[in-house]
Structure formats: C-alpha cells, structure tokens
Protein backbone atom coordinates (compact mmCIF):
# COMPACT_ATOMS: atom_id res chain seq x y z
CA UNK A 1 4.96 19.36 1.49
CA UNK A 2 6.37 16.71 -0.89
CA UNK A 3 7.92 13.73 0.85
CA UNK A 4 9.19 11.64 -2.05
CA UNK A 5 12.76 12.16 -3.21
CA UNK A 6 13.37 12.55 -6.94
CA UNK A 7 14.78 9.02 -7.13
CA UNK A 8 12.14 7.36 -4.93
CA UNK A 9 10.88 3.97 -6.12
CA UNK A 10 7.12 3.66 -5.60
CA UNK A 11 5.48 0.26 -5.85
CA UNK A 12 1.74 -0.28 -6.09
CA UNK A 13 0.07 -3.45 -4.82
CA UNK A 14 -3.68 -3.40 -4.58
CA UNK A 15 -6.89 -2.48 -6.32
CA UNK A 16 -8.74 0.73 -5.58
CA UNK A 17 -5.99 2.13 -3.33
CA UNK A 18 -3.36 1.85 -6.07
CA UNK A 19 -5.81 3.23 -8.64
CA UNK A 20 -6.22 6.36 -6.49
CA UNK A 21 -2.45 6.55 -5.90
CA UNK A 22 -1.78 6.38 -9.62
CA UNK A 23 -3.77 9.59 -10.07
CA UNK A 24 -1.80 11.53 -7.46
CA UNK A 25 1.70 10.04 -7.13
CA UNK A 26 3.98 11.18 -9.93
CA UNK A 27 7.49 9.69 -9.76
CA UNK A 28 10.12 12.02 -11.20
CA UNK A 29 12.21 9.46 -13.09
CA UNK A 30 11.55 6.56 -15.44
CA UNK A 31 11.44 3.17 -13.76
CA UNK A 32 10.40 4.61 -10.42
CA UNK A 33 6.74 3.45 -10.52
CA UNK A 34 6.19 -0.29 -10.38
CA UNK A 35 2.91 -2.15 -10.24
CA UNK A 36 1.61 -5.40 -11.73
CA UNK A 37 -0.96 -3.65 -13.95
CA UNK A 38 -4.73 -4.10 -14.08
CA UNK A 39 -4.55 -7.89 -14.38
CA UNK A 40 -1.41 -8.33 -12.34
CA UNK A 41 -0.59 -10.56 -9.45
CA UNK A 42 -2.01 -9.16 -6.21
CA UNK A 43 0.44 -9.52 -3.34
CA UNK A 44 3.60 -9.11 -5.43
CA UNK A 45 4.40 -5.70 -3.94
CA UNK A 46 6.56 -6.79 -1.02
CA UNK A 47 8.72 -8.94 -3.31
CA UNK A 48 9.15 -5.94 -5.61
CA UNK A 49 9.99 -3.76 -2.58
CA UNK A 50 12.67 -6.22 -1.46
CA UNK A 51 14.19 -6.20 -4.95
CA UNK A 52 13.99 -2.39 -5.23
CA UNK A 53 15.66 -1.92 -1.84
CA UNK A 54 18.53 -4.22 -2.87
CA UNK A 55 18.88 -2.72 -6.36
CA UNK A 56 18.60 0.90 -5.20
CA UNK A 57 20.04 0.95 -1.65
CA UNK A 58 20.25 4.75 -1.42
CA UNK A 59 16.76 5.51 -2.78
CA UNK A 60 13.53 5.76 -0.83
CA UNK A 61 11.43 2.65 -1.43
CA UNK A 62 7.72 3.05 -0.83
CA UNK A 63 5.13 0.30 -1.12
CA UNK A 64 1.52 1.44 -1.52
CA UNK A 65 -0.78 -1.46 -0.74
CA UNK A 66 -4.34 -2.22 0.10
CA UNK A 67 -5.44 -4.28 3.05
CA UNK A 68 -6.54 -7.07 0.70
CA UNK A 69 -3.12 -7.23 -0.96
CA UNK A 70 -1.47 -7.37 2.46
CA UNK A 71 -3.20 -10.68 3.10
CA UNK A 72 -1.04 -12.26 0.42
CA UNK A 73 2.40 -11.12 1.47
CA UNK A 74 2.62 -9.11 4.69
CA UNK A 75 4.66 -11.87 6.32
CA UNK A 76 7.44 -11.02 3.87
CA UNK A 77 8.17 -8.11 6.21
CA UNK A 78 10.14 -10.79 8.08
CA UNK A 79 12.56 -10.86 5.13
CA UNK A 80 12.87 -7.06 5.20
CA UNK A 81 13.67 -7.18 8.92
CA UNK A 82 16.13 -10.08 8.75
CA UNK A 83 18.08 -8.43 5.93
CA UNK A 84 17.82 -4.90 7.38
CA UNK A 85 15.96 -3.53 4.35
CA UNK A 86 14.00 -0.43 5.35
CA UNK A 87 10.88 0.07 3.23
CA UNK A 88 8.06 2.50 3.92
CA UNK A 89 4.69 0.83 3.43
CA UNK A 90 1.55 2.93 3.16
CA UNK A 91 -1.63 0.91 3.44
CA UNK A 92 -5.08 2.01 2.42
CA UNK A 93 -7.21 0.10 4.92
CA UNK A 94 -10.86 0.25 3.88
CA UNK A 95 -11.72 -3.09 5.49
CA UNK A 96 -12.81 -4.55 2.16
CA UNK A 97 -11.82 -6.01 -1.16
CA UNK A 98 -12.68 -2.64 -2.69
CA UNK A 99 -11.98 -3.59 -6.29
CA UNK A 100 -14.59 -6.35 -5.96
CA UNK A 101 -17.05 -4.71 -3.58
CA UNK A 102 -17.66 -1.56 -5.63
CA UNK A 103 -18.27 -3.27 -8.97
CA UNK A 104 -20.54 -5.91 -7.38
CA UNK A 105 -22.63 -3.18 -5.81
CA UNK A 106 -22.69 -1.24 -9.09
CA UNK A 107 -23.68 -4.27 -11.18
CA UNK A 108 -25.92 -6.22 -8.80
CA UNK A 109 -26.89 -3.82 -6.04
CA UNK A 110 -25.19 -5.97 -3.39
CA UNK A 111 -21.83 -7.58 -2.65
CA UNK A 112 -20.72 -10.89 -1.22
CA UNK A 113 -17.46 -12.01 0.39
CA UNK A 114 -15.88 -8.57 -0.09
CA UNK A 115 -15.68 -7.35 3.51
CA UNK A 116 -12.59 -7.72 5.68
CA UNK A 117 -12.33 -7.25 9.43
CA UNK A 118 -12.84 -3.56 10.26
CA UNK A 119 -9.82 -1.38 11.03
CA UNK A 120 -7.35 -4.26 11.41
CA UNK A 121 -4.09 -3.15 13.04
CA UNK A 122 -1.74 -4.38 10.31
CA UNK A 123 0.93 -2.06 11.70
CA UNK A 124 1.04 -4.27 14.79
CA UNK A 125 1.84 -7.25 12.55
CA UNK A 126 4.82 -5.34 11.15
CA UNK A 127 5.89 -4.39 14.67
CA UNK A 128 5.60 -8.02 15.82
CA UNK A 129 7.92 -9.02 12.96
CA UNK A 130 10.58 -6.51 14.09
CA UNK A 131 9.58 -3.45 12.06
CA UNK A 132 7.50 -0.52 13.19
CA UNK A 133 4.32 1.28 12.27
CA UNK A 134 1.24 3.16 13.27
CA UNK A 135 -2.43 3.58 12.43
CA UNK A 136 -3.66 6.89 11.07
CA UNK A 137 -7.35 7.74 10.87
CA UNK A 138 -7.14 11.52 10.49
CA UNK A 139 -5.82 12.70 7.10
CA UNK A 140 -4.05 15.60 8.81
CA UNK A 141 -1.80 13.02 10.55
CA UNK A 142 -0.53 11.33 7.38
CA UNK A 143 2.35 13.75 6.69
CA UNK A 144 3.84 13.42 10.17
CA UNK A 145 3.40 9.63 10.04
CA UNK A 146 5.30 9.53 6.73
CA UNK A 147 8.08 11.63 8.25
CA UNK A 148 8.38 9.12 11.11
CA UNK A 149 8.34 6.23 8.65
CA UNK A 150 11.13 7.66 6.47
CA UNK A 151 13.32 8.42 9.48
CA UNK A 152 12.78 5.05 11.22
CA UNK A 153 15.33 3.13 9.11
CA UNK A 154 13.33 -0.08 9.55
CA UNK A 155 10.38 -1.55 7.65
CA UNK A 156 7.53 0.78 8.66
CA UNK A 157 3.81 0.49 7.92
CA UNK A 158 1.55 3.54 7.94
CA UNK A 159 -1.89 1.94 8.24
CA UNK A 160 -4.27 4.59 6.88
CA UNK A 161 -7.92 3.95 7.69
CA UNK A 162 -9.93 4.88 4.60
CA UNK A 163 -13.62 5.03 3.71
CA UNK A 164 -15.02 1.89 2.09
CA UNK A 165 -17.81 4.00 0.60
CA UNK A 166 -15.29 5.98 -1.48
CA UNK A 167 -14.43 3.51 -4.26
CA UNK A 168 -12.38 4.45 -7.27
CA UNK A 169 -14.77 5.96 -9.83
CA UNK A 170 -15.23 3.64 -12.77
CA UNK A 171 -16.50 4.72 -16.16
CA UNK A 172 -16.44 1.35 -17.86
CA UNK A 173 -17.39 -2.25 -17.19
CA UNK A 174 -14.15 -3.57 -18.63
CA UNK A 175 -12.92 -4.55 -22.05
C-alpha cells in the first residue's frame, strides 16, 4: 500500500541507504525529491527537512537517512520539536558507514573505521528530544510503523535495522 501523498517531499541524506531509496521511491511531482547528490554534504538532510516543512506546511515531509548521516545532524530534531514541525524520518541502520565499508572491502578485501555501534536506538534520541519513534527489525512491520509516524504529528523516527552485508551494488569505481 502506498504511503506517500502525491505532494510529499522526500529528502535523502546518506550513502547506500539513499542509493537504494532512489531506486524505489518515485515522487509524483517535480521538486519533491531532494538530496545533496553523490558528492554532497552528508548531514544536510535535517536542515532540508526543516526548510521543506516550513515551505510546504500541508505536505508530508519525509527524511530518508542513514545512521552515519544521523551522526552529523540528529540533534537538529530539537529544532523540529521546538517549532512544532512534524517530519517523518526513516533511518536505514546498518551499523556502518556503508558507502565506505563496501568499497573498501571490494577494493582491498578489508575495511577500517567503517563500523558503527550495532543497532543503536536512534529513535530513543528523538524521543528524548521531545519527538517519538520506534525501532523496526522485521520488514513486515515497516508499513504499520510508517502509519504511526504519519499520524503522530510530531518529529518521528522509524529506525529500520538493515543488513550491513547488503551494500548498494556498484558497477564502477568512480569517474
């Protein structure tokens, strides 16, 4: 069942998670997909979500972010809460810097400094800041979690535990 409204603004902030999302999320209108691009500024998603919520107060605003990207800006949820700006955040939590880990393993056969703490409860950070959220580890639970997030009317993080061994498939080593 589709959960995005025709005028939903979807923002991507992350590496592999946003790459996957870009293959499956198809906004219906121009200007409704925002991300910083392949060489963009990681962590800019919450700022874009704040701006989108202010500019489009009646539209759904969804931020898709990885757990690495969250390390740069998750505290900006405080701004969302203080200004009563509901945004649905969907996090792909693979406990790693996936965009670095996969290529290092592919090129060198090992990776360094790419692992994050396993299964961190980022949703509890959002709750502590005055929003709400939950952790989802079973894909069959994602739809119901999104329904709760859209109806909460507060900043809400759906912390989806994903598989670090399922990196985005790359067919090139860059430019």
